[in-house]
C-alpha atoms as a PDB file:
ATOM      1  CA  MET A   1       0.228   0.068  -0.023  1.00  0.00           C
ATOM      2  CA  PRO A   2       1.626   3.716  -0.776  1.00  0.00           C
ATOM      3  CA  LEU A   3       1.903   6.120   1.829  1.00  0.00           C
ATOM      4  CA  ALA A   4      -1.186   8.693   2.803  1.00  0.00           C
ATOM      5  CA  VAL A   5       0.706  10.828   4.682  1.00  0.00           C
ATOM      6  CA  ILE A   6       4.500  12.147   4.385  1.00  0.00           C
ATOM      7  CA  GLY A   7       5.701  14.243   7.760  1.00  0.00           C
ATOM      8  CA  ALA A   8       8.041  17.057   5.830  1.00  0.00           C
ATOM      9  CA  ALA A   9       9.378  18.315   8.881  1.00  0.00           C
ATOM     10  CA  PHE A  10      12.513  18.478  11.062  1.00  0.00           C
ATOM     11  CA  GLY A  11      12.186  16.230  14.296  1.00  0.00           C
ATOM     12  CA  ARG A  12      11.990  18.228  17.789  1.00  0.00           C
ATOM     13  CA  THR A  13       8.542  19.378  15.861  1.00  0.00           C
ATOM     14  CA  GLY A  14       6.270  17.448  17.917  1.00  0.00           C
ATOM     15  CA  THR A  15       6.978  14.154  14.971  1.00  0.00           C
ATOM     16  CA  LEU A  16       6.725  11.526  18.170  1.00  0.00           C
ATOM     17  CA  SER A  17       3.273  12.771  19.039  1.00  0.00           C
ATOM     18  CA  PHE A  18       2.775  12.936  15.822  1.00  0.00           C
ATOM     19  CA  LYS A  19       3.569   9.785  14.737  1.00  0.00           C
ATOM     20  CA  LEU A  20       1.592   8.615  17.582  1.00  0.00           C
ATOM     21  CA  ALA A  21      -1.601  10.639  16.440  1.00  0.00           C
ATOM     22  CA  LEU A  22      -1.510   9.046  12.604  1.00  0.00           C
ATOM     23  CA  GLU A  23      -1.455   5.320  14.375  1.00  0.00           C
ATOM     24  CA  GLN A  24      -4.597   6.230  16.728  1.00  0.00           C
ATOM     25  CA  LEU A  25      -5.871   8.012  13.405  1.00  0.00           C
ATOM     26  CA  GLY A  26      -5.519   4.612  11.658  1.00  0.00           C
ATOM     27  CA  LEU A  27      -2.544   5.871   9.316  1.00  0.00           C
ATOM     28  CA  GLY A  28      -0.109   3.775  11.068  1.00  0.00           C
ATOM     29  CA  PRO A  29       2.397   2.584  11.114  1.00  0.00           C
ATOM     30  CA  CYS A  30       4.540   5.768  10.735  1.00  0.00           C
ATOM     31  CA  TYR A  31       8.073   5.603   9.824  1.00  0.00           C
ATOM     32  CA  HIS A  32       9.843   7.730  12.442  1.00  0.00           C
ATOM     33  CA  MET A  33      13.425   7.289  13.573  1.00  0.00           C
ATOM     34  CA  LEU A  34      12.580   5.161  16.018  1.00  0.00           C
ATOM     35  CA  GLU A  35      11.786   2.458  13.527  1.00  0.00           C
ATOM     36  CA  VAL A  36      15.304   2.447  11.980  1.00  0.00           C
ATOM     37  CA  LEU A  37      16.655   1.134  15.909  1.00  0.00           C
ATOM     38  CA  GLY A  38      18.174  -1.987  15.805  1.00  0.00           C
ATOM     39  CA  LYS A  39      17.501  -2.669  11.912  1.00  0.00           C
ATOM     40  CA  ALA A  40      20.568  -3.384  10.315  1.00  0.00           C
ATOM     41  CA  ASP A  41      19.056  -3.314   6.655  1.00  0.00           C
ATOM     42  CA  HIS A  42      17.529   0.325   7.254  1.00  0.00           C
ATOM     43  CA  VAL A  43      20.369   1.812   8.689  1.00  0.00           C
ATOM     44  CA  ALA A  44      22.774   0.579   5.853  1.00  0.00           C
ATOM     45  CA  ALA A  45      19.405   1.863   3.847  1.00  0.00           C
ATOM     46  CA  TRP A  46      19.107   5.277   4.718  1.00  0.00           C
ATOM     47  CA  SER A  47      23.299   5.731   4.359  1.00  0.00           C
ATOM     48  CA  ALA A  48      23.090   5.007   0.453  1.00  0.00           C
ATOM     49  CA  ALA A  49      20.114   7.156   0.837  1.00  0.00           C
ATOM     50  CA  THR A  50      22.104   9.904   2.453  1.00  0.00           C
ATOM     51  CA  ALA A  51      25.246   9.110  -0.092  1.00  0.00           C
ATOM     52  CA  GLY A  52      23.132   9.631  -2.660  1.00  0.00           C
ATOM     53  CA  GLU A  53      22.639   6.066  -3.749  1.00  0.00           C
ATOM     54  CA  PRO A  54      19.186   5.531  -5.347  1.00  0.00           C
ATOM     55  CA  VAL A  55      16.583   3.741  -2.737  1.00  0.00           C
ATOM     56  CA  ASP A  56      13.378   1.042  -3.357  1.00  0.00           C
ATOM     57  CA  TRP A  57      11.544   3.599  -1.354  1.00  0.00           C
ATOM     58  CA  ASP A  58       8.370   0.484  -1.353  1.00  0.00           C
ATOM     59  CA  THR A  59      10.565  -2.013  -0.411  1.00  0.00           C
ATOM     60  CA  LEU A  60      11.818   0.414   2.965  1.00  0.00           C
ATOM     61  CA  LEU A  61       8.914   1.530   3.763  1.00  0.00           C
ATOM     62  CA  ASP A  62       6.973  -2.124   3.213  1.00  0.00           C
ATOM     63  CA  GLY A  63       3.981  -2.438   5.471  1.00  0.00           C
ATOM     64  CA  TYR A  64       3.940   1.226   6.546  1.00  0.00           C
ATOM     65  CA  HIS A  65       1.121   4.177   5.840  1.00  0.00           C
ATOM     66  CA  SER A  66       2.765   7.229   6.546  1.00  0.00           C
ATOM     67  CA  THR A  67       5.850   8.654   7.507  1.00  0.00           C
ATOM     68  CA  CYS A  68       7.576  11.684   9.593  1.00  0.00           C
ATOM     69  CA  ASP A  69      10.972  12.816  11.696  1.00  0.00           C
ATOM     70  CA  TRP A  70      14.364  11.744  10.337  1.00  0.00           C
ATOM     71  CA  PRO A  71      15.261  10.162   8.357  1.00  0.00           C
ATOM     72  CA  ALA A  72      12.709  10.433   6.096  1.00  0.00           C
ATOM     73  CA  CYS A  73      11.883  13.838   6.044  1.00  0.00           C
ATOM     74  CA  THR A  74      15.362  14.309   4.212  1.00  0.00           C
ATOM     75  CA  PHE A  75      14.021  12.401   1.359  1.00  0.00           C
ATOM     76  CA  TRP A  76      10.370  14.070   1.979  1.00  0.00           C
ATOM     77  CA  ARG A  77      10.634  14.453  -1.899  1.00  0.00           C
ATOM     78  CA  GLU A  78      11.559  11.751  -3.140  1.00  0.00           C
ATOM     79  CA  LEU A  79       8.698  10.039  -1.178  1.00  0.00           C
ATOM     80  CA  ARG A  80       6.305  11.588  -2.416  1.00  0.00           C
ATOM     81  CA  ASP A  81       7.171  11.216  -5.815  1.00  0.00           C
ATOM     82  CA  ALA A  82       7.092   7.631  -5.568  1.00  0.00           C
ATOM     83  CA  ASN A  83       3.389   8.339  -3.693  1.00  0.00           C
ATOM     84  CA  PRO A  84       1.637  11.209  -5.754  1.00  0.00           C
ATOM     85  CA  GLY A  85      -1.464  10.229  -3.943  1.00  0.00           C
ATOM     86  CA  ALA A  86       0.007  10.990   0.033  1.00  0.00           C
ATOM     87  CA  LYS A  87      -0.566  14.559   1.589  1.00  0.00           C
ATOM     88  CA  VAL A  88       1.888  16.081   3.649  1.00  0.00           C
ATOM     89  CA  VAL A  89       1.791  17.378   6.705  1.00  0.00           C
ATOM     90  CA  LEU A  90       4.864  20.070   7.802  1.00  0.00           C
ATOM     91  CA  THR A  91       4.640  19.887  11.843  1.00  0.00           C
ATOM     92  CA  ARG A  92       6.158  23.483  13.640  1.00  0.00           C
ATOM     93  CA  ARG A  93       6.627  25.235  16.557  1.00  0.00           C
ATOM     94  CA  ASP A  94       8.477  28.225  17.268  1.00  0.00           C
ATOM     95  CA  PRO A  95      11.910  28.563  15.944  1.00  0.00           C
ATOM     96  CA  ASP A  96      13.650  29.650  19.405  1.00  0.00           C
ATOM     97  CA  ALA A  97      11.840  26.671  21.522  1.00  0.00           C
ATOM     98  CA  TRP A  98      12.754  24.166  18.486  1.00  0.00           C
ATOM     99  CA  TYR A  99      16.743  24.864  18.610  1.00  0.00           C
ATOM    100  CA  ARG A 100      16.683  24.933  22.258  1.00  0.00           C
ATOM    101  CA  SER A 101      15.240  21.421  21.979  1.00  0.00           C
ATOM    102  CA  MET A 102      17.696  20.406  19.131  1.00  0.00           C
ATOM    103  CA  SER A 103      20.577  21.977  21.040  1.00  0.00           C
ATOM    104  CA  ALA A 104      19.543  19.900  24.301  1.00  0.00           C
ATOM    105  CA  THR A 105      18.466  16.828  22.121  1.00  0.00           C
ATOM    106  CA  ILE A 106      19.448  15.640  18.735  1.00  0.00           C
ATOM    107  CA  LEU A 107      22.753  17.992  18.529  1.00  0.00           C
ATOM    108  CA  GLU A 108      24.036  16.731  21.648  1.00  0.00           C
ATOM    109  CA  SER A 109      23.897  13.194  21.340  1.00  0.00           C
ATOM    110  CA  LEU A 110      25.807  13.882  17.626  1.00  0.00           C
ATOM    111  CA  ASP A 111      28.215  15.156  19.305  1.00  0.00           C
ATOM    112  CA  ARG A 112      28.726  12.328  21.924  1.00  0.00           C
ATOM    113  CA  PRO A 113      31.123   9.476  21.270  1.00  0.00           C
ATOM    114  CA  VAL A 114      29.074   6.159  20.312  1.00  0.00           C
ATOM    115  CA  ASP A 115      29.542   3.903  23.867  1.00  0.00           C
ATOM    116  CA  ASP A 116      31.895   1.887  24.123  1.00  0.00           C
ATOM    117  CA  ASP A 117      30.142  -1.309  24.499  1.00  0.00           C
ATOM    118  CA  ALA A 118      27.817  -0.415  21.838  1.00  0.00           C
ATOM    119  CA  ASP A 119      27.317  -3.010  18.866  1.00  0.00           C
ATOM    120  CA  GLN A 120      28.049  -2.526  15.042  1.00  0.00           C
ATOM    121  CA  VAL A 121      24.395  -1.665  14.429  1.00  0.00           C
ATOM    122  CA  MET A 122      24.357   0.856  16.846  1.00  0.00           C
ATOM    123  CA  ILE A 123      27.662   2.184  15.670  1.00  0.00           C
ATOM    124  CA  ASP A 124      26.322   2.315  12.502  1.00  0.00           C
ATOM    125  CA  HIS A 125      23.146   4.026  13.376  1.00  0.00           C
ATOM    126  CA  HIS A 126      25.031   6.826  14.853  1.00  0.00           C
ATOM    127  CA  LEU A 127      27.214   7.474  11.936  1.00  0.00           C
ATOM    128  CA  MET A 128      24.055   7.428   9.634  1.00  0.00           C
ATOM    129  CA  THR A 129      22.582  10.172  11.916  1.00  0.00           C
ATOM    130  CA  ARG A 130      25.496  12.181  12.135  1.00  0.00           C
ATOM    131  CA  GLU A 131      26.337  12.185   8.363  1.00  0.00           C
ATOM    132  CA  LEU A 132      22.656  12.862   7.320  1.00  0.00           C
ATOM    133  CA  ILE A 133      21.797  15.097  10.420  1.00  0.00           C
ATOM    134  CA  LEU A 134      24.788  17.060  11.314  1.00  0.00           C
ATOM    135  CA  GLU A 135      27.032  16.929   7.852  1.00  0.00           C
ATOM    136  CA  ARG A 136      23.799  17.258   5.440  1.00  0.00           C
ATOM    137  CA  THR A 137      21.425  18.753   6.564  1.00  0.00           C
ATOM    138  CA  PHE A 138      23.143  21.563   8.573  1.00  0.00           C
ATOM    139  CA  ALA A 139      26.637  21.380   6.658  1.00  0.00           C
ATOM    140  CA  GLY A 140      28.442  20.426   9.902  1.00  0.00           C
ATOM    141  CA  ASP A 141      27.408  23.845  11.088  1.00  0.00           C
ATOM    142  CA  ASP A 142      25.352  23.716  14.697  1.00  0.00           C
ATOM    143  CA  THR A 143      25.485  27.558  15.772  1.00  0.00           C
ATOM    144  CA  ARG A 144      22.251  28.610  16.217  1.00  0.00           C
ATOM    145  CA  GLU A 145      21.983  31.373  13.257  1.00  0.00           C
ATOM    146  CA  HIS A 146      22.551  28.774  10.984  1.00  0.00           C
ATOM    147  CA  VAL A 147      20.644  25.845  12.130  1.00  0.00           C
ATOM    148  CA  LEU A 148      17.542  28.518  12.144  1.00  0.00           C
ATOM    149  CA  GLY A 149      18.522  29.682   8.975  1.00  0.00           C
ATOM    150  CA  VAL A 150      18.340  26.101   7.393  1.00  0.00           C
ATOM    151  CA  LEU A 151      15.028  25.080   9.527  1.00  0.00           C
ATOM    152  CA  ALA A 152      13.443  28.434   7.935  1.00  0.00           C
ATOM    153  CA  ALA A 153      14.969  27.649   4.466  1.00  0.00           C
ATOM    154  CA  HIS A 154      13.444  24.113   4.480  1.00  0.00           C
ATOM    155  CA  GLU A 155      10.063  25.152   5.700  1.00  0.00           C
ATOM    156  CA  LYS A 156       9.758  27.669   3.271  1.00  0.00           C
ATOM    157  CA  ASP A 157      10.825  25.023   0.425  1.00  0.00           C
ATOM    158  CA  VAL A 158       8.327  22.685   1.367  1.00  0.00           C
ATOM    159  CA  ILE A 159       5.486  25.241   1.530  1.00  0.00           C
ATOM    160  CA  ALA A 160       6.193  26.724  -1.785  1.00  0.00           C
ATOM    161  CA  SER A 161       6.375  23.041  -2.946  1.00  0.00           C
ATOM    162  CA  VAL A 162       3.395  21.350  -2.029  1.00  0.00           C
ATOM    163  CA  PRO A 163      -0.404  22.651  -3.688  1.00  0.00           C
ATOM    164  CA  PRO A 164      -2.557  23.463  -0.305  1.00  0.00           C
ATOM    165  CA  ALA A 165      -4.643  21.562  -1.049  1.00  0.00           C
ATOM    166  CA  GLU A 166      -2.289  18.772  -0.161  1.00  0.00           C
ATOM    167  CA  LEU A 167      -0.334  20.377   2.468  1.00  0.00           C
ATOM    168  CA  LEU A 168      -0.865  21.147   6.067  1.00  0.00           C
ATOM    169  CA  VAL A 169       1.145  22.803   8.425  1.00  0.00           C
ATOM    170  CA  TYR A 170       0.326  22.133  11.852  1.00  0.00           C
ATOM    171  CA  ASP A 171       1.647  22.441  15.045  1.00  0.00           C
ATOM    172  CA  VAL A 172       1.055  19.628  17.576  1.00  0.00           C
ATOM    173  CA  ALA A 173      -0.489  21.931  20.316  1.00  0.00           C
ATOM    174  CA  GLU A 174      -3.085  22.519  18.231  1.00  0.00           C
ATOM    175  CA  GLY A 175      -4.743  18.934  18.851  1.00  0.00           C
ATOM    176  CA  TRP A 176      -7.221  16.849  16.755  1.00  0.00           C
ATOM    177  CA  GLU A 177      -9.076  19.047  14.678  1.00  0.00           C
ATOM    178  CA  PRO A 178      -6.637  20.397  12.076  1.00  0.00           C
ATOM    179  CA  LEU A 179      -5.250  17.097  11.570  1.00  0.00           C
ATOM    180  CA  CYS A 180      -8.237  15.076  11.314  1.00  0.00           C
ATOM    181  CA  ALA A 181      -9.656  17.974   8.970  1.00  0.00           C
ATOM    182  CA  PHE A 182      -7.380  17.684   6.685  1.00  0.00           C
ATOM    183  CA  LEU A 183      -7.087  14.077   6.729  1.00  0.00           C
ATOM    184  CA  GLY A 184     -10.719  13.851   6.367  1.00  0.00           C
ATOM    185  CA  VAL A 185     -11.354  11.112   9.366  1.00  0.00           C
ATOM    186  CA  PRO A 186     -13.637  11.780  12.266  1.00  0.00           C
ATOM    187  CA  VAL A 187     -11.764  13.088  16.063  1.00  0.00           C
ATOM    188  CA  PRO A 188     -10.932  10.451  18.069  1.00  0.00           C
ATOM    189  CA  ASP A 189     -12.965  10.765  21.572  1.00  0.00           C
ATOM    190  CA  GLU A 190      -8.888  10.125  23.105  1.00  0.00           C
ATOM    191  CA  PRO A 191      -6.417  12.905  24.024  1.00  0.00           C
ATOM    192  CA  PHE A 192      -4.324  13.780  21.775  1.00  0.00           C
ATOM    193  CA  PRO A 193      -1.160  11.788  22.358  1.00  0.00           C
ATOM    194  CA  ARG A 194       1.869  14.476  24.052  1.00  0.00           C
ATOM    195  CA  THR A 195       5.440  12.900  24.211  1.00  0.00           C
ATOM    196  CA  ASN A 196       8.953  12.885  24.155  1.00  0.00           C
ATOM    197  CA  THR A 197       9.756  16.191  25.852  1.00  0.00           C
ATOM    198  CA  THR A 198      13.424  17.068  25.432  1.00  0.00           C
ATOM    199  CA  SER A 199      14.150  15.554  29.448  1.00  0.00           C
ATOM    200  CA  ASP A 200      12.089  12.439  27.542  1.00  0.00           C
ATOM    201  CA  PHE A 201      14.832  12.129  25.168  1.00  0.00           C
ATOM    202  CA  ARG A 202      18.010  13.064  27.261  1.00  0.00           C
ATOM    203  CA  THR A 203      16.910   9.511  29.470  1.00  0.00           C
ATOM    204  CA  MET A 204      15.977   7.841  26.505  1.00  0.00           C
ATOM    205  CA  VAL A 205      19.587   8.055  24.836  1.00  0.00           C
ATOM    206  CA  GLY A 206      21.664   8.033  27.970  1.00  0.00           C
ATOM    207  CA  LEU A 207      22.191  11.796  28.493  1.00  0.00           C
ATOM    208  CA  ASP A 208      21.655  13.674  31.458  1.00  0.00           C
ATOM    209  CA  PRO A 209      17.850  14.612  31.719  1.00  0.00           C
ATOM    210  CA  THR A 210      17.931  17.793  33.328  1.00  0.00           C
END
């Protein structure tokens, strides 16, 4: 089955909450960075994509009905070409709050060496994410001005490239209503999922949670 929803936004814009929301709406499983962990074949495929090599998207994402977060968001355009009927969602948050979160989570974890006892899949995963996010996305420059400039350029490109009827620019703090209206599905009775705070992320990757 082709993808129904492509999340085009960078991580730390509420992507894990968005993933869980899509899955509650019946549009999952949703491919998120968490899906890559521990999967050597997926790490290898994203490493190849990052290096500019061709990727069989149908095989890589077989069984998934939606995507969000890195690594998929870097290739949102290619995924849309491969799934022309998919709708695109750009999750956004206040840029200053986003940078504070990025610098205390993803960027800090990428600057940290891999644990000595890590297995080869985890080492390869760290190298892949570092190359994709720090090098390819931010050109090796994690300073605030540069990173925020890259974010703004990415969001502008998505908004300019996708017809308005096929794009939702969305803050997960808005909850179910705008997302459900865009996707044409009923609003659930359950609360909108809220997860993966900065403290949650730091604990998950072994950083000081404070």
